[in-house]
C-alpha atoms as a PDB file:
ATOM      1  CA  UNK A   1       2.462 -24.869 -32.032  1.00  0.00           C
ATOM      2  CA  UNK A   2      -0.760 -26.694 -31.145  1.00  0.00           C
ATOM      3  CA  UNK A   3      -3.596 -27.114 -33.587  1.00  0.00           C
ATOM      4  CA  UNK A   4      -7.142 -27.689 -32.461  1.00  0.00           C
ATOM      5  CA  UNK A   5      -9.488 -29.163 -34.982  1.00  0.00           C
ATOM      6  CA  UNK A   6     -12.387 -29.959 -32.645  1.00  0.00           C
ATOM      7  CA  UNK A   7     -15.567 -28.141 -33.678  1.00  0.00           C
ATOM      8  CA  UNK A   8     -15.581 -25.946 -30.585  1.00  0.00           C
ATOM      9  CA  UNK A   9     -17.058 -22.480 -30.939  1.00  0.00           C
ATOM     10  CA  UNK A  10     -14.478 -19.742 -30.678  1.00  0.00           C
ATOM     11  CA  UNK A  11     -16.455 -17.081 -28.878  1.00  0.00           C
ATOM     12  CA  UNK A  12     -14.232 -14.062 -29.338  1.00  0.00           C
ATOM     13  CA  UNK A  13     -15.505 -12.534 -32.550  1.00  0.00           C
ATOM     14  CA  UNK A  14     -17.990 -15.353 -33.088  1.00  0.00           C
ATOM     15  CA  UNK A  15     -15.852 -17.679 -35.234  1.00  0.00           C
ATOM     16  CA  UNK A  16     -16.365 -21.444 -35.456  1.00  0.00           C
ATOM     17  CA  UNK A  17     -15.060 -24.428 -37.402  1.00  0.00           C
ATOM     18  CA  UNK A  18     -16.997 -24.865 -40.670  1.00  0.00           C
ATOM     19  CA  UNK A  19     -17.863 -21.153 -41.028  1.00  0.00           C
ATOM     20  CA  UNK A  20     -17.294 -19.787 -44.561  1.00  0.00           C
ATOM     21  CA  UNK A  21     -15.881 -16.461 -45.740  1.00  0.00           C
ATOM     22  CA  UNK A  22     -15.254 -14.766 -49.071  1.00  0.00           C
ATOM     23  CA  UNK A  23     -12.306 -12.515 -49.805  1.00  0.00           C
ATOM     24  CA  UNK A  24     -13.143  -8.951 -50.729  1.00  0.00           C
ATOM     25  CA  UNK A  25     -10.876  -8.871 -53.803  1.00  0.00           C
ATOM     26  CA  UNK A  26     -11.608  -8.938 -57.485  1.00  0.00           C
ATOM     27  CA  UNK A  27     -10.622 -12.589 -57.801  1.00  0.00           C
ATOM     28  CA  UNK A  28     -12.323 -13.515 -54.532  1.00  0.00           C
ATOM     29  CA  UNK A  29     -11.770 -16.967 -53.119  1.00  0.00           C
ATOM     30  CA  UNK A  30     -14.097 -18.628 -50.661  1.00  0.00           C
ATOM     31  CA  UNK A  31     -12.648 -20.140 -47.532  1.00  0.00           C
ATOM     32  CA  UNK A  32     -13.869 -22.455 -44.754  1.00  0.00           C
ATOM     33  CA  UNK A  33     -12.563 -22.346 -41.174  1.00  0.00           C
ATOM     34  CA  UNK A  34     -10.680 -25.556 -40.491  1.00  0.00           C
ATOM     35  CA  UNK A  35      -9.075 -24.999 -37.069  1.00  0.00           C
ATOM     36  CA  UNK A  36      -7.678 -22.511 -34.560  1.00  0.00           C
ATOM     37  CA  UNK A  37      -4.474 -22.132 -32.584  1.00  0.00           C
ATOM     38  CA  UNK A  38      -2.726 -19.642 -30.355  1.00  0.00           C
ATOM     39  CA  UNK A  39       0.867 -18.763 -31.038  1.00  0.00           C
ATOM     40  CA  UNK A  40       3.631 -18.240 -28.465  1.00  0.00           C
ATOM     41  CA  UNK A  41       2.688 -14.604 -28.161  1.00  0.00           C
ATOM     42  CA  UNK A  42      -0.974 -15.435 -27.327  1.00  0.00           C
ATOM     43  CA  UNK A  43      -2.253 -14.274 -30.747  1.00  0.00           C
ATOM     44  CA  UNK A  44      -5.229 -16.315 -31.983  1.00  0.00           C
ATOM     45  CA  UNK A  45      -4.953 -17.691 -35.521  1.00  0.00           C
ATOM     46  CA  UNK A  46      -7.358 -19.385 -37.853  1.00  0.00           C
ATOM     47  CA  UNK A  47      -6.532 -22.035 -40.460  1.00  0.00           C
ATOM     48  CA  UNK A  48      -8.626 -21.783 -43.593  1.00  0.00           C
ATOM     49  CA  UNK A  49      -9.230 -24.243 -46.470  1.00  0.00           C
ATOM     50  CA  UNK A  50     -10.152 -23.084 -49.964  1.00  0.00           C
ATOM     51  CA  UNK A  51     -13.677 -24.338 -50.725  1.00  0.00           C
ATOM     52  CA  UNK A  52     -12.980 -25.021 -54.412  1.00  0.00           C
ATOM     53  CA  UNK A  53      -9.397 -26.298 -53.967  1.00  0.00           C
ATOM     54  CA  UNK A  54      -9.113 -28.068 -50.521  1.00  0.00           C
ATOM     55  CA  UNK A  55      -5.365 -28.568 -51.095  1.00  0.00           C
ATOM     56  CA  UNK A  56      -4.934 -24.786 -50.705  1.00  0.00           C
ATOM     57  CA  UNK A  57      -4.733 -23.622 -47.115  1.00  0.00           C
ATOM     58  CA  UNK A  58      -3.839 -20.358 -45.360  1.00  0.00           C
ATOM     59  CA  UNK A  59      -3.310 -19.282 -41.808  1.00  0.00           C
ATOM     60  CA  UNK A  60      -4.337 -15.790 -40.637  1.00  0.00           C
ATOM     61  CA  UNK A  61      -4.661 -13.919 -37.376  1.00  0.00           C
ATOM     62  CA  UNK A  62      -8.331 -14.057 -36.339  1.00  0.00           C
ATOM     63  CA  UNK A  63      -8.441 -10.256 -36.379  1.00  0.00           C
ATOM     64  CA  UNK A  64      -7.551 -10.292 -40.080  1.00  0.00           C
ATOM     65  CA  UNK A  65     -10.407 -12.655 -40.879  1.00  0.00           C
ATOM     66  CA  UNK A  66     -12.785 -10.418 -38.937  1.00  0.00           C
ATOM     67  CA  UNK A  67     -11.721  -7.300 -40.896  1.00  0.00           C
ATOM     68  CA  UNK A  68     -14.819  -6.684 -43.098  1.00  0.00           C
ATOM     69  CA  UNK A  69     -12.719  -4.750 -45.629  1.00  0.00           C
ATOM     70  CA  UNK A  70     -10.818  -8.022 -46.322  1.00  0.00           C
ATOM     71  CA  UNK A  71     -13.381 -10.851 -45.747  1.00  0.00           C
ATOM     72  CA  UNK A  72     -17.138 -11.241 -45.465  1.00  0.00           C
ATOM     73  CA  UNK A  73     -18.960 -14.174 -43.896  1.00  0.00           C
ATOM     74  CA  UNK A  74     -21.053 -16.352 -46.181  1.00  0.00           C
ATOM     75  CA  UNK A  75     -24.434 -17.660 -45.208  1.00  0.00           C
ATOM     76  CA  UNK A  76     -24.584 -21.417 -45.197  1.00  0.00           C
ATOM     77  CA  UNK A  77     -28.004 -22.692 -46.233  1.00  0.00           C
ATOM     78  CA  UNK A  78     -28.940 -26.206 -45.182  1.00  0.00           C
ATOM     79  CA  UNK A  79     -30.915 -28.330 -47.617  1.00  0.00           C
ATOM     80  CA  UNK A  80     -34.036 -29.988 -46.421  1.00  0.00           C
ATOM     81  CA  UNK A  81     -34.516 -33.599 -47.388  1.00  0.00           C
ATOM     82  CA  UNK A  82     -38.093 -34.621 -48.078  1.00  0.00           C
END
């Protein structure tokens, strides 16, 4: 299994490292994309890190993360420094 942590854009489905998602459950966690890999059956996976508890990590098929009934993307707003 190879892990890629380089911030390369994953174009299929528009996922990229650093992108954030929220679970669509009652006790919804927020996750950040950490890396991608392809398994031996050529299925793309995404490794996620919990935003509030970085020690918690999960790995999902990219198609699961893109399922809007399970996850929704969060907008990341950049702060301006004056």
